[in-house]
Structure formats: C-alpha cells, structure tokens
Amino acid sequence: MRIVIAGGHGQIALRLERLLAARGDEVAGIVRKPEQADDLRQAGAEPVVLDLESASVEEVAERLRGADAAVFAAGAGPGSGAARKDTVDKGAAVLFADAAVRAGVGRLVVVSSMGANPKHEGREIFDVYLRAKGEADAYVQGLKGLDWTILRPGSLTDDAGTGLVRLEAHTGRGPVPRDDVAAVLAELVESSSTAGLTLELVAGSTPVSVAVKSVAGN
C-alpha cells in the first residue's frame, strides 16, 4: 500500500511511519519544515514538504494521488494559540479530507481527540481545541465517497506500548501509549471494515489486531 500521512513529523506519525515501512508499505509524510525531512527518511518515509495552512486543495490532492490510504495526524501542538487550533486542527483536517476525495483516495483515517465535540463549551485553549477537532470530525463524517474512520485516543503517554488496548465507540477516559495509538492506526488503514466508525482508544487488555477486528464486526 501507499499511505500518505499529514503531520508526518509528529510523535505518533513517526511511530506509524516506522511500523508501516517495516511491514513493506510505501509511506510518505507531509511536513511543514524542510529540516524535518531527515527524521522521516530515518523512519522509512518519503518526506513531502507542504504547509497545510497555506496550501490549496489541489496542491494537497496532487500529493495524495496514487495513495491507497491517507492519515491525518497533524496538529497545532500544545504551545499554540486559539487561532492555530482553527487553522490546523480544523482547517487543515478539512482541507486534507477534501483533497483525499479529489485525489480519489479511498481510505482516510483521522487522529482526533477524546472529548472532541463541535458544541464543546468553554473559553480556554483546550476548549477551543476540542471544538476545532469536533468540527473537523463532523465535516469528515458528512463526506460522501470516502471510507473514513475517526480515532479518538485518550491521554497520550510516552510509556512503552503493550500492544493491548480498548477500542470501542465509547471507552471512557484513560491513558494510552503513543506506541499503541500508532499500532492501531497501522491496522485501521488496512481495514476498510471500520469505515464510517468513530472510535475511542485507551489502554486495555485486548491485542491490537483483535480489537480492530472485533470493533469492525460489531
């Protein structure tokens, strides 16, 4: 498979790129800064330098053409202000989804957040973030002609992955290692049977591959 990842230099994305490259997939990661390219190459991914905050739909679609699947894993980051929550966490996600449709990519997996909700109330930065993610998710959920899956992890940790998770429509809050988020994403891009599902993810007791197959069968 050829898989293109938006936010290719993120902590989850770099883990995912290593997993996909190791199993023989062709991986490309979209990054904003040219100096990030070497890190992607070391992870086994082809770097694609493109700023999703200023790119057009057609420019993004051009980078997506020929891909079997796409993953949106970009984010403004914890140090960013409210404006970039709107331009990256919402705007770039919408742009990427539109570009995937235009490019004929059949499969899209979006990394969202536990608690994402377009109607989330509050004025703190994290509240703005949850609204932005929720609005982006709602947009993707309304798209036609695209097999999308939205993944909403709990609190991300840098603990070593266990390969054991809880993946359901509603899990309740909890932590999850970034390693295990990447492992779930690697399974999801291959499993179109999870298309149309919005899933929550926390640490649990079910092996990743079994968890994905189980939720796909429900």
N, C-alpha and C. Protein backbone atom coordinates (compact mmCIF):
# COMPACT_ATOMS: atom_id res chain seq x y z
N MET A 1 0.82 -1.20 0.00
CA MET A 1 0.00 0.00 0.00
C MET A 1 0.86 1.25 0.00
N ARG A 2 0.34 2.30 -0.60
CA ARG A 2 0.96 3.63 -0.47
C ARG A 2 0.09 4.44 0.47
N ILE A 3 0.70 4.96 1.52
CA ILE A 3 -0.03 5.68 2.56
C ILE A 3 0.63 7.04 2.76
N VAL A 4 -0.16 8.10 2.73
CA VAL A 4 0.33 9.45 2.94
C VAL A 4 -0.18 9.96 4.28
N ILE A 5 0.73 10.50 5.09
CA ILE A 5 0.41 10.93 6.44
C ILE A 5 0.60 12.43 6.57
N ALA A 6 -0.45 13.14 6.95
CA ALA A 6 -0.34 14.57 7.23
C ALA A 6 0.15 14.75 8.67
N GLY A 7 1.07 15.70 8.85
CA GLY A 7 1.68 15.84 10.17
C GLY A 7 2.74 14.78 10.38
N GLY A 8 3.52 14.54 9.33
CA GLY A 8 4.44 13.42 9.29
C GLY A 8 5.57 13.44 10.29
N HIS A 9 5.80 14.59 10.94
CA HIS A 9 6.88 14.68 11.92
C HIS A 9 6.35 14.59 13.36
N GLY A 10 5.07 14.37 13.52
CA GLY A 10 4.50 14.26 14.86
C GLY A 10 4.94 12.99 15.56
N GLN A 11 4.77 12.97 16.87
CA GLN A 11 5.24 11.82 17.65
C GLN A 11 4.53 10.52 17.27
N ILE A 12 3.23 10.60 17.05
CA ILE A 12 2.50 9.40 16.62
C ILE A 12 2.85 9.06 15.18
N ALA A 13 2.93 10.07 14.33
CA ALA A 13 3.20 9.84 12.91
C ALA A 13 4.54 9.16 12.68
N LEU A 14 5.59 9.60 13.37
CA LEU A 14 6.90 8.96 13.19
C LEU A 14 6.86 7.50 13.62
N ARG A 15 6.13 7.21 14.68
CA ARG A 15 5.98 5.80 15.10
C ARG A 15 5.23 5.01 14.04
N LEU A 16 4.18 5.61 13.50
CA LEU A 16 3.39 4.94 12.47
C LEU A 16 4.22 4.71 11.21
N GLU A 17 5.00 5.68 10.82
CA GLU A 17 5.84 5.53 9.62
C GLU A 17 6.80 4.37 9.77
N ARG A 18 7.39 4.22 10.95
CA ARG A 18 8.30 3.09 11.17
C ARG A 18 7.57 1.76 11.03
N LEU A 19 6.38 1.68 11.60
CA LEU A 19 5.60 0.44 11.54
C LEU A 19 5.22 0.10 10.10
N LEU A 20 4.74 1.09 9.38
CA LEU A 20 4.30 0.85 8.00
C LEU A 20 5.47 0.48 7.10
N ALA A 21 6.58 1.20 7.25
CA ALA A 21 7.76 0.91 6.43
C ALA A 21 8.29 -0.49 6.73
N ALA A 22 8.25 -0.87 8.01
CA ALA A 22 8.76 -2.19 8.41
C ALA A 22 7.95 -3.33 7.81
N ARG A 23 6.67 -3.10 7.58
CA ARG A 23 5.86 -4.17 7.01
C ARG A 23 5.81 -4.10 5.48
N GLY A 24 6.54 -3.15 4.90
CA GLY A 24 6.69 -3.11 3.46
C GLY A 24 5.81 -2.13 2.72
N ASP A 25 5.09 -1.29 3.45
CA ASP A 25 4.26 -0.28 2.79
C ASP A 25 5.14 0.86 2.27
N GLU A 26 4.64 1.56 1.27
CA GLU A 26 5.28 2.77 0.77
C GLU A 26 4.66 3.95 1.52
N VAL A 27 5.48 4.70 2.24
CA VAL A 27 4.96 5.73 3.14
C VAL A 27 5.51 7.10 2.77
N ALA A 28 4.65 8.10 2.76
CA ALA A 28 5.06 9.49 2.58
C ALA A 28 4.49 10.30 3.73
N GLY A 29 5.27 11.25 4.23
CA GLY A 29 4.81 12.10 5.32
C GLY A 29 4.87 13.56 4.92
N ILE A 30 3.76 14.27 5.09
CA ILE A 30 3.72 15.70 4.78
C ILE A 30 4.22 16.48 5.99
N VAL A 31 5.23 17.31 5.76
CA VAL A 31 5.81 18.12 6.84
C VAL A 31 5.88 19.58 6.40
N ARG A 32 5.92 20.46 7.38
CA ARG A 32 5.93 21.90 7.08
C ARG A 32 7.35 22.45 6.93
N LYS A 33 8.30 21.82 7.64
CA LYS A 33 9.67 22.35 7.66
C LYS A 33 10.64 21.41 6.94
N PRO A 34 11.43 21.94 5.99
CA PRO A 34 12.38 21.09 5.27
C PRO A 34 13.37 20.38 6.19
N GLU A 35 13.71 21.02 7.32
CA GLU A 35 14.70 20.40 8.22
C GLU A 35 14.16 19.15 8.92
N GLN A 36 12.87 18.87 8.78
CA GLN A 36 12.30 17.66 9.37
C GLN A 36 12.44 16.44 8.46
N ALA A 37 12.89 16.67 7.24
CA ALA A 37 12.91 15.61 6.23
C ALA A 37 13.78 14.42 6.63
N ASP A 38 14.94 14.68 7.21
CA ASP A 38 15.85 13.59 7.56
C ASP A 38 15.24 12.65 8.58
N ASP A 39 14.48 13.20 9.53
CA ASP A 39 13.84 12.34 10.54
C ASP A 39 12.85 11.38 9.88
N LEU A 40 12.15 11.86 8.85
CA LEU A 40 11.21 10.99 8.16
C LEU A 40 11.95 9.91 7.37
N ARG A 41 13.03 10.30 6.73
CA ARG A 41 13.80 9.29 5.98
C ARG A 41 14.31 8.20 6.91
N GLN A 42 14.75 8.59 8.10
CA GLN A 42 15.23 7.60 9.07
C GLN A 42 14.11 6.68 9.52
N ALA A 43 12.89 7.18 9.49
CA ALA A 43 11.73 6.36 9.87
C ALA A 43 11.25 5.49 8.70
N GLY A 44 11.85 5.69 7.53
CA GLY A 44 11.47 4.89 6.36
C GLY A 44 10.41 5.53 5.49
N ALA A 45 10.18 6.85 5.69
CA ALA A 45 9.15 7.55 4.93
C ALA A 45 9.75 8.57 3.98
N GLU A 46 9.04 8.82 2.91
CA GLU A 46 9.41 9.86 1.95
C GLU A 46 8.87 11.20 2.46
N PRO A 47 9.74 12.19 2.67
CA PRO A 47 9.24 13.49 3.13
C PRO A 47 8.62 14.31 2.00
N VAL A 48 7.49 14.92 2.29
CA VAL A 48 6.82 15.81 1.34
C VAL A 48 6.64 17.15 2.05
N VAL A 49 7.35 18.17 1.61
CA VAL A 49 7.31 19.47 2.27
C VAL A 49 6.14 20.29 1.72
N LEU A 50 5.17 20.58 2.59
CA LEU A 50 3.98 21.32 2.19
C LEU A 50 3.32 21.88 3.44
N ASP A 51 2.98 23.15 3.43
CA ASP A 51 2.33 23.79 4.57
C ASP A 51 0.82 23.70 4.39
N LEU A 52 0.17 22.88 5.21
CA LEU A 52 -1.27 22.67 5.07
C LEU A 52 -2.09 23.89 5.48
N GLU A 53 -1.46 24.87 6.13
CA GLU A 53 -2.19 26.08 6.49
C GLU A 53 -2.29 27.06 5.32
N SER A 54 -1.44 26.90 4.32
CA SER A 54 -1.46 27.83 3.19
C SER A 54 -1.69 27.13 1.85
N ALA A 55 -1.65 25.81 1.81
CA ALA A 55 -1.79 25.07 0.56
C ALA A 55 -3.24 25.08 0.08
N SER A 56 -3.41 24.91 -1.22
CA SER A 56 -4.74 24.78 -1.81
C SER A 56 -5.17 23.32 -1.79
N VAL A 57 -6.44 23.08 -2.00
CA VAL A 57 -6.94 21.71 -2.08
C VAL A 57 -6.25 20.96 -3.20
N GLU A 58 -6.06 21.61 -4.33
CA GLU A 58 -5.43 20.94 -5.46
C GLU A 58 -3.98 20.60 -5.17
N GLU A 59 -3.27 21.48 -4.48
CA GLU A 59 -1.87 21.20 -4.13
C GLU A 59 -1.77 19.96 -3.23
N VAL A 60 -2.68 19.85 -2.27
CA VAL A 60 -2.67 18.68 -1.39
C VAL A 60 -3.10 17.44 -2.16
N ALA A 61 -4.12 17.58 -3.00
CA ALA A 61 -4.60 16.45 -3.79
C ALA A 61 -3.50 15.89 -4.68
N GLU A 62 -2.66 16.78 -5.22
CA GLU A 62 -1.57 16.33 -6.08
C GLU A 62 -0.62 15.40 -5.31
N ARG A 63 -0.40 15.71 -4.02
CA ARG A 63 0.49 14.87 -3.20
C ARG A 63 -0.19 13.56 -2.80
N LEU A 64 -1.52 13.53 -2.88
CA LEU A 64 -2.26 12.35 -2.46
C LEU A 64 -2.57 11.39 -3.61
N ARG A 65 -2.46 11.85 -4.83
CA ARG A 65 -2.82 11.00 -5.96
C ARG A 65 -1.94 9.75 -5.99
N GLY A 66 -2.59 8.63 -6.19
CA GLY A 66 -1.89 7.35 -6.22
C GLY A 66 -1.82 6.67 -4.87
N ALA A 67 -2.27 7.34 -3.81
CA ALA A 67 -2.25 6.73 -2.48
C ALA A 67 -3.44 5.80 -2.29
N ASP A 68 -3.21 4.72 -1.59
CA ASP A 68 -4.30 3.80 -1.24
C ASP A 68 -5.02 4.26 0.02
N ALA A 69 -4.30 4.97 0.88
CA ALA A 69 -4.89 5.44 2.14
C ALA A 69 -4.17 6.70 2.57
N ALA A 70 -4.86 7.49 3.40
CA ALA A 70 -4.28 8.72 3.95
C ALA A 70 -4.61 8.78 5.43
N VAL A 71 -3.70 9.36 6.19
CA VAL A 71 -3.88 9.51 7.64
C VAL A 71 -3.67 10.97 8.00
N PHE A 72 -4.66 11.57 8.68
CA PHE A 72 -4.48 12.92 9.17
C PHE A 72 -4.02 12.85 10.62
N ALA A 73 -2.75 13.18 10.85
CA ALA A 73 -2.18 13.14 12.20
C ALA A 73 -1.53 14.47 12.56
N ALA A 74 -1.92 15.54 11.85
CA ALA A 74 -1.34 16.86 12.09
C ALA A 74 -2.04 17.52 13.28
N GLY A 75 -1.34 18.46 13.90
CA GLY A 75 -1.92 19.21 14.99
C GLY A 75 -1.13 20.47 15.24
N ALA A 76 -1.80 21.48 15.76
CA ALA A 76 -1.11 22.74 16.03
C ALA A 76 -0.11 22.62 17.17
N GLY A 77 -0.34 21.66 18.06
CA GLY A 77 0.61 21.46 19.16
C GLY A 77 0.17 22.17 20.42
N PRO A 78 0.65 21.69 21.57
CA PRO A 78 0.19 22.22 22.87
C PRO A 78 0.58 23.66 23.13
N GLY A 79 1.62 24.17 22.45
CA GLY A 79 2.04 25.54 22.71
C GLY A 79 1.39 26.58 21.83
N SER A 80 0.48 26.15 20.97
CA SER A 80 -0.12 27.07 20.00
C SER A 80 -1.34 27.76 20.58
N GLY A 81 -1.69 28.89 19.98
CA GLY A 81 -2.85 29.66 20.44
C GLY A 81 -4.13 29.23 19.76
N ALA A 82 -5.22 29.92 20.11
CA ALA A 82 -6.54 29.56 19.61
C ALA A 82 -6.63 29.65 18.08
N ALA A 83 -5.95 30.63 17.50
CA ALA A 83 -6.05 30.82 16.05
C ALA A 83 -5.57 29.60 15.29
N ARG A 84 -4.47 28.98 15.75
CA ARG A 84 -3.93 27.82 15.03
C ARG A 84 -4.72 26.55 15.31
N LYS A 85 -5.49 26.52 16.38
CA LYS A 85 -6.41 25.39 16.56
C LYS A 85 -7.41 25.40 15.41
N ASP A 86 -7.82 26.60 15.00
CA ASP A 86 -8.78 26.71 13.91
C ASP A 86 -8.13 26.42 12.56
N THR A 87 -6.92 26.91 12.34
CA THR A 87 -6.29 26.76 11.02
C THR A 87 -5.67 25.38 10.81
N VAL A 88 -5.24 24.71 11.88
CA VAL A 88 -4.62 23.39 11.74
C VAL A 88 -5.57 22.28 12.15
N ASP A 89 -5.99 22.30 13.41
CA ASP A 89 -6.78 21.17 13.93
C ASP A 89 -8.13 21.06 13.24
N LYS A 90 -8.66 22.18 12.78
CA LYS A 90 -9.90 22.15 11.99
C LYS A 90 -9.60 22.35 10.51
N GLY A 91 -9.03 23.50 10.16
CA GLY A 91 -8.87 23.86 8.76
C GLY A 91 -8.05 22.88 7.94
N ALA A 92 -6.91 22.46 8.48
CA ALA A 92 -6.05 21.53 7.73
C ALA A 92 -6.71 20.16 7.61
N ALA A 93 -7.46 19.75 8.63
CA ALA A 93 -8.14 18.46 8.58
C ALA A 93 -9.21 18.46 7.49
N VAL A 94 -9.96 19.56 7.41
CA VAL A 94 -11.00 19.68 6.37
C VAL A 94 -10.35 19.71 4.99
N LEU A 95 -9.29 20.49 4.85
CA LEU A 95 -8.57 20.58 3.59
C LEU A 95 -8.05 19.22 3.15
N PHE A 96 -7.47 18.48 4.07
CA PHE A 96 -6.88 17.18 3.76
C PHE A 96 -7.97 16.19 3.33
N ALA A 97 -9.10 16.23 4.01
CA ALA A 97 -10.20 15.35 3.65
C ALA A 97 -10.74 15.67 2.26
N ASP A 98 -10.93 16.95 1.99
CA ASP A 98 -11.39 17.37 0.66
C ASP A 98 -10.40 16.94 -0.43
N ALA A 99 -9.11 17.09 -0.12
CA ALA A 99 -8.08 16.70 -1.09
C ALA A 99 -8.07 15.19 -1.32
N ALA A 100 -8.34 14.43 -0.28
CA ALA A 100 -8.40 12.97 -0.42
C ALA A 100 -9.53 12.57 -1.36
N VAL A 101 -10.68 13.23 -1.21
CA VAL A 101 -11.81 12.96 -2.11
C VAL A 101 -11.43 13.33 -3.55
N ARG A 102 -10.83 14.51 -3.72
CA ARG A 102 -10.47 14.97 -5.07
C ARG A 102 -9.43 14.05 -5.71
N ALA A 103 -8.52 13.53 -4.89
CA ALA A 103 -7.45 12.68 -5.43
C ALA A 103 -7.89 11.23 -5.64
N GLY A 104 -9.09 10.91 -5.21
CA GLY A 104 -9.58 9.54 -5.38
C GLY A 104 -9.01 8.55 -4.38
N VAL A 105 -8.56 9.06 -3.23
CA VAL A 105 -8.07 8.17 -2.18
C VAL A 105 -9.29 7.51 -1.52
N GLY A 106 -9.28 6.21 -1.44
CA GLY A 106 -10.46 5.53 -0.93
C GLY A 106 -10.57 5.49 0.58
N ARG A 107 -9.44 5.60 1.28
CA ARG A 107 -9.42 5.34 2.72
C ARG A 107 -8.79 6.52 3.46
N LEU A 108 -9.47 7.03 4.49
CA LEU A 108 -8.94 8.12 5.30
C LEU A 108 -9.12 7.77 6.77
N VAL A 109 -8.04 7.87 7.53
CA VAL A 109 -8.09 7.70 8.98
C VAL A 109 -7.67 9.02 9.62
N VAL A 110 -8.49 9.53 10.52
CA VAL A 110 -8.25 10.81 11.17
C VAL A 110 -7.92 10.59 12.64
N VAL A 111 -6.82 11.16 13.10
CA VAL A 111 -6.48 11.13 14.52
C VAL A 111 -7.13 12.34 15.17
N SER A 112 -8.12 12.10 16.00
CA SER A 112 -8.84 13.16 16.67
C SER A 112 -8.44 13.16 18.15
N SER A 113 -9.39 13.43 19.02
CA SER A 113 -9.09 13.51 20.45
C SER A 113 -10.30 13.08 21.26
N MET A 114 -10.06 12.40 22.35
CA MET A 114 -11.14 12.09 23.28
C MET A 114 -11.81 13.41 23.71
N GLY A 115 -13.13 13.45 23.63
CA GLY A 115 -13.85 14.66 24.04
C GLY A 115 -14.09 15.66 22.94
N ALA A 116 -13.61 15.38 21.72
CA ALA A 116 -13.84 16.29 20.60
C ALA A 116 -15.34 16.45 20.38
N ASN A 117 -15.79 17.69 20.26
CA ASN A 117 -17.22 17.95 20.13
C ASN A 117 -17.41 19.37 19.59
N PRO A 118 -18.10 19.52 18.46
CA PRO A 118 -18.28 20.87 17.91
C PRO A 118 -19.08 21.79 18.83
N LYS A 119 -19.80 21.21 19.78
CA LYS A 119 -20.60 22.01 20.71
C LYS A 119 -19.97 22.12 22.09
N HIS A 120 -18.70 21.71 22.17
CA HIS A 120 -18.00 21.80 23.47
C HIS A 120 -17.96 23.26 23.94
N GLU A 121 -18.24 23.45 25.20
CA GLU A 121 -18.28 24.81 25.75
C GLU A 121 -16.99 25.12 26.50
N GLY A 122 -16.72 26.41 26.66
CA GLY A 122 -15.53 26.84 27.37
C GLY A 122 -14.68 27.76 26.54
N ARG A 123 -13.84 28.54 27.20
CA ARG A 123 -13.04 29.55 26.50
C ARG A 123 -11.54 29.33 26.63
N GLU A 124 -11.13 28.30 27.36
CA GLU A 124 -9.71 28.01 27.47
C GLU A 124 -9.19 27.42 26.15
N ILE A 125 -7.87 27.43 26.00
CA ILE A 125 -7.27 26.94 24.75
C ILE A 125 -7.68 25.50 24.48
N PHE A 126 -7.69 24.67 25.52
CA PHE A 126 -8.05 23.27 25.30
C PHE A 126 -9.51 23.13 24.88
N ASP A 127 -10.36 24.02 25.36
CA ASP A 127 -11.76 24.02 24.94
C ASP A 127 -11.87 24.35 23.45
N VAL A 128 -11.10 25.34 23.03
CA VAL A 128 -11.07 25.70 21.60
C VAL A 128 -10.58 24.52 20.77
N TYR A 129 -9.57 23.84 21.28
CA TYR A 129 -9.02 22.66 20.59
C TYR A 129 -10.09 21.58 20.42
N LEU A 130 -10.81 21.26 21.48
CA LEU A 130 -11.83 20.21 21.41
C LEU A 130 -12.96 20.59 20.46
N ARG A 131 -13.31 21.87 20.41
CA ARG A 131 -14.32 22.31 19.45
C ARG A 131 -13.81 22.18 18.03
N ALA A 132 -12.56 22.60 17.81
CA ALA A 132 -11.97 22.53 16.47
C ALA A 132 -11.90 21.09 15.97
N LYS A 133 -11.45 20.19 16.84
CA LYS A 133 -11.39 18.78 16.46
C LYS A 133 -12.79 18.23 16.20
N GLY A 134 -13.73 18.64 17.04
CA GLY A 134 -15.10 18.18 16.85
C GLY A 134 -15.71 18.67 15.55
N GLU A 135 -15.43 19.91 15.18
CA GLU A 135 -15.94 20.46 13.93
C GLU A 135 -15.30 19.74 12.73
N ALA A 136 -14.02 19.46 12.83
CA ALA A 136 -13.34 18.72 11.75
C ALA A 136 -13.92 17.31 11.63
N ASP A 137 -14.13 16.65 12.76
CA ASP A 137 -14.70 15.30 12.73
C ASP A 137 -16.09 15.31 12.09
N ALA A 138 -16.91 16.30 12.47
CA ALA A 138 -18.26 16.38 11.92
C ALA A 138 -18.22 16.57 10.40
N TYR A 139 -17.26 17.34 9.93
CA TYR A 139 -17.13 17.55 8.49
C TYR A 139 -16.78 16.24 7.79
N VAL A 140 -15.81 15.52 8.33
CA VAL A 140 -15.41 14.24 7.73
C VAL A 140 -16.57 13.26 7.75
N GLN A 141 -17.30 13.23 8.84
CA GLN A 141 -18.43 12.30 8.97
C GLN A 141 -19.51 12.56 7.93
N GLY A 142 -19.56 13.77 7.38
CA GLY A 142 -20.55 14.11 6.37
C GLY A 142 -20.09 13.90 4.94
N LEU A 143 -18.86 13.46 4.75
CA LEU A 143 -18.33 13.30 3.40
C LEU A 143 -18.86 12.04 2.73
N LYS A 144 -19.09 12.15 1.45
CA LYS A 144 -19.51 11.01 0.64
C LYS A 144 -18.33 10.53 -0.21
N GLY A 145 -18.35 9.26 -0.53
CA GLY A 145 -17.34 8.71 -1.42
C GLY A 145 -15.98 8.51 -0.79
N LEU A 146 -15.95 8.40 0.53
CA LEU A 146 -14.68 8.23 1.23
C LEU A 146 -14.89 7.30 2.42
N ASP A 147 -14.09 6.24 2.50
CA ASP A 147 -14.17 5.32 3.64
C ASP A 147 -13.34 5.89 4.78
N TRP A 148 -13.99 6.63 5.68
CA TRP A 148 -13.27 7.29 6.77
C TRP A 148 -13.46 6.53 8.07
N THR A 149 -12.45 6.64 8.92
CA THR A 149 -12.54 6.20 10.31
C THR A 149 -11.89 7.29 11.16
N ILE A 150 -12.55 7.66 12.25
CA ILE A 150 -12.02 8.67 13.16
C ILE A 150 -11.60 7.98 14.45
N LEU A 151 -10.36 8.20 14.84
CA LEU A 151 -9.82 7.60 16.06
C LEU A 151 -9.61 8.69 17.11
N ARG A 152 -10.19 8.48 18.29
CA ARG A 152 -10.08 9.45 19.38
C ARG A 152 -9.36 8.82 20.57
N PRO A 153 -8.03 9.00 20.62
CA PRO A 153 -7.27 8.43 21.74
C PRO A 153 -7.53 9.20 23.03
N GLY A 154 -7.27 8.51 24.15
CA GLY A 154 -7.31 9.17 25.45
C GLY A 154 -6.03 9.96 25.68
N SER A 155 -5.66 10.11 26.93
CA SER A 155 -4.46 10.88 27.29
C SER A 155 -3.21 10.16 26.78
N LEU A 156 -2.44 10.85 25.95
CA LEU A 156 -1.28 10.23 25.32
C LEU A 156 -0.09 10.19 26.27
N THR A 157 0.59 9.04 26.30
CA THR A 157 1.78 8.90 27.13
C THR A 157 2.94 8.39 26.28
N ASP A 158 4.15 8.56 26.81
CA ASP A 158 5.33 8.04 26.14
C ASP A 158 5.78 6.71 26.73
N ASP A 159 4.92 6.07 27.51
CA ASP A 159 5.22 4.74 28.02
C ASP A 159 5.39 3.77 26.86
N ALA A 160 6.18 2.73 27.06
CA ALA A 160 6.33 1.72 26.03
C ALA A 160 4.99 1.07 25.74
N GLY A 161 4.72 0.83 24.47
CA GLY A 161 3.46 0.19 24.11
C GLY A 161 3.38 -1.23 24.62
N THR A 162 2.19 -1.64 24.94
CA THR A 162 1.95 -3.02 25.41
C THR A 162 1.32 -3.88 24.33
N GLY A 163 0.76 -3.22 23.30
CA GLY A 163 0.02 -3.97 22.29
C GLY A 163 -1.36 -4.38 22.75
N LEU A 164 -1.76 -3.89 23.92
CA LEU A 164 -3.06 -4.23 24.49
C LEU A 164 -3.88 -2.96 24.66
N VAL A 165 -5.09 -2.94 24.10
CA VAL A 165 -5.88 -1.72 24.08
C VAL A 165 -7.35 -2.01 24.34
N ARG A 166 -8.09 -0.94 24.50
CA ARG A 166 -9.55 -0.98 24.49
C ARG A 166 -10.00 -0.04 23.40
N LEU A 167 -10.67 -0.55 22.40
CA LEU A 167 -11.09 0.21 21.22
C LEU A 167 -12.58 0.00 21.03
N GLU A 168 -13.34 1.04 21.30
CA GLU A 168 -14.80 0.94 21.23
C GLU A 168 -15.38 2.30 20.83
N ALA A 169 -16.66 2.31 20.56
CA ALA A 169 -17.33 3.58 20.27
C ALA A 169 -17.23 4.53 21.46
N HIS A 170 -17.33 3.98 22.65
CA HIS A 170 -17.21 4.77 23.87
C HIS A 170 -16.45 3.95 24.91
N THR A 171 -15.27 4.40 25.26
CA THR A 171 -14.45 3.67 26.23
C THR A 171 -14.43 4.32 27.60
N GLY A 172 -14.74 5.61 27.66
CA GLY A 172 -14.46 6.36 28.88
C GLY A 172 -13.01 6.82 28.84
N ARG A 173 -12.70 7.81 29.65
CA ARG A 173 -11.36 8.41 29.61
C ARG A 173 -10.31 7.48 30.19
N GLY A 174 -9.07 7.68 29.73
CA GLY A 174 -7.96 6.89 30.22
C GLY A 174 -6.72 7.16 29.40
N PRO A 175 -5.56 6.72 29.86
CA PRO A 175 -4.32 6.93 29.12
C PRO A 175 -4.12 5.88 28.03
N VAL A 176 -3.25 6.18 27.10
CA VAL A 176 -2.85 5.21 26.08
C VAL A 176 -1.47 5.61 25.55
N PRO A 177 -0.54 4.67 25.47
CA PRO A 177 0.79 4.99 24.92
C PRO A 177 0.72 5.34 23.44
N ARG A 178 1.54 6.31 23.04
CA ARG A 178 1.59 6.68 21.62
C ARG A 178 1.98 5.47 20.76
N ASP A 179 2.81 4.58 21.27
CA ASP A 179 3.18 3.36 20.53
C ASP A 179 1.93 2.59 20.13
N ASP A 180 0.99 2.46 21.07
CA ASP A 180 -0.21 1.67 20.80
C ASP A 180 -1.18 2.41 19.89
N VAL A 181 -1.19 3.73 19.96
CA VAL A 181 -2.01 4.50 19.01
C VAL A 181 -1.51 4.25 17.59
N ALA A 182 -0.20 4.30 17.42
CA ALA A 182 0.38 4.05 16.09
C ALA A 182 0.07 2.64 15.61
N ALA A 183 0.13 1.67 16.51
CA ALA A 183 -0.16 0.29 16.14
C ALA A 183 -1.61 0.13 15.69
N VAL A 184 -2.52 0.80 16.38
CA VAL A 184 -3.93 0.76 15.98
C VAL A 184 -4.12 1.42 14.62
N LEU A 185 -3.48 2.57 14.40
CA LEU A 185 -3.58 3.25 13.11
C LEU A 185 -3.09 2.36 11.97
N ALA A 186 -2.00 1.65 12.22
CA ALA A 186 -1.45 0.75 11.19
C ALA A 186 -2.46 -0.32 10.81
N GLU A 187 -3.23 -0.80 11.78
CA GLU A 187 -4.27 -1.78 11.49
C GLU A 187 -5.46 -1.13 10.78
N LEU A 188 -5.83 0.07 11.22
CA LEU A 188 -7.01 0.73 10.67
C LEU A 188 -6.86 1.08 9.19
N VAL A 189 -5.66 1.48 8.77
CA VAL A 189 -5.51 1.86 7.36
C VAL A 189 -5.73 0.67 6.43
N GLU A 190 -5.54 -0.52 6.96
CA GLU A 190 -5.73 -1.73 6.16
C GLU A 190 -7.16 -2.26 6.23
N SER A 191 -7.93 -1.80 7.21
CA SER A 191 -9.23 -2.39 7.49
C SER A 191 -10.36 -1.45 7.10
N SER A 192 -10.83 -1.55 5.86
CA SER A 192 -11.95 -0.71 5.43
C SER A 192 -13.25 -1.13 6.10
N SER A 193 -13.23 -2.25 6.81
CA SER A 193 -14.43 -2.70 7.51
C SER A 193 -14.76 -1.80 8.71
N THR A 194 -13.82 -0.92 9.07
CA THR A 194 -14.11 0.06 10.14
C THR A 194 -14.58 1.39 9.56
N ALA A 195 -14.82 1.45 8.26
CA ALA A 195 -15.26 2.68 7.62
C ALA A 195 -16.58 3.16 8.22
N GLY A 196 -16.67 4.48 8.44
CA GLY A 196 -17.87 5.06 8.99
C GLY A 196 -17.96 5.01 10.50
N LEU A 197 -16.88 4.57 11.15
CA LEU A 197 -16.88 4.46 12.61
C LEU A 197 -16.04 5.56 13.25
N THR A 198 -16.52 6.07 14.37
CA THR A 198 -15.76 6.98 15.22
C THR A 198 -15.46 6.22 16.51
N LEU A 199 -14.18 6.01 16.79
CA LEU A 199 -13.77 5.09 17.85
C LEU A 199 -12.91 5.78 18.90
N GLU A 200 -13.11 5.40 20.14
CA GLU A 200 -12.26 5.86 21.24
C GLU A 200 -11.26 4.78 21.58
N LEU A 201 -10.09 5.22 22.05
CA LEU A 201 -8.98 4.29 22.31
C LEU A 201 -8.29 4.62 23.62
N VAL A 202 -8.18 3.63 24.47
CA VAL A 202 -7.39 3.74 25.70
C VAL A 202 -6.63 2.43 25.90
N ALA A 203 -5.74 2.42 26.87
CA ALA A 203 -5.04 1.18 27.21
C ALA A 203 -6.07 0.15 27.69
N GLY A 204 -5.79 -1.11 27.41
CA GLY A 204 -6.75 -2.14 27.79
C GLY A 204 -6.12 -3.51 27.87
N SER A 205 -6.88 -4.54 27.54
CA SER A 205 -6.41 -5.91 27.68
C SER A 205 -6.55 -6.73 26.41
N THR A 206 -6.95 -6.08 25.30
CA THR A 206 -7.17 -6.79 24.05
C THR A 206 -6.05 -6.50 23.06
N PRO A 207 -5.45 -7.52 22.45
CA PRO A 207 -4.41 -7.27 21.44
C PRO A 207 -4.94 -6.37 20.32
N VAL A 208 -4.08 -5.51 19.81
CA VAL A 208 -4.48 -4.50 18.84
C VAL A 208 -5.23 -5.11 17.66
N SER A 209 -4.67 -6.14 17.04
CA SER A 209 -5.32 -6.70 15.84
C SER A 209 -6.69 -7.27 16.17
N VAL A 210 -6.82 -7.89 17.34
CA VAL A 210 -8.11 -8.45 17.76
C VAL A 210 -9.11 -7.33 18.03
N ALA A 211 -8.64 -6.24 18.66
CA ALA A 211 -9.51 -5.11 18.97
C ALA A 211 -10.08 -4.49 17.70
N VAL A 212 -9.24 -4.33 16.69
CA VAL A 212 -9.71 -3.75 15.43
C VAL A 212 -10.70 -4.68 14.75
N LYS A 213 -10.40 -5.96 14.71
CA LYS A 213 -11.32 -6.93 14.08
C LYS A 213 -12.63 -6.99 14.83
N SER A 214 -12.58 -6.90 16.14
CA SER A 214 -13.80 -7.01 16.96
C SER A 214 -14.72 -5.83 16.73
N VAL A 215 -14.15 -4.62 16.70
CA VAL A 215 -14.98 -3.43 16.53
C VAL A 215 -15.53 -3.37 15.11
N ALA A 216 -14.77 -3.90 14.16
CA ALA A 216 -15.22 -3.91 12.77
C ALA A 216 -16.40 -4.88 12.59
N GLY A 217 -16.47 -5.87 13.45
CA GLY A 217 -17.53 -6.86 13.32
C GLY A 217 -18.80 -6.50 14.01
N ASN A 218 -18.79 -5.40 14.78
CA ASN A 218 -19.98 -5.01 15.53
C ASN A 218 -20.99 -4.26 14.66
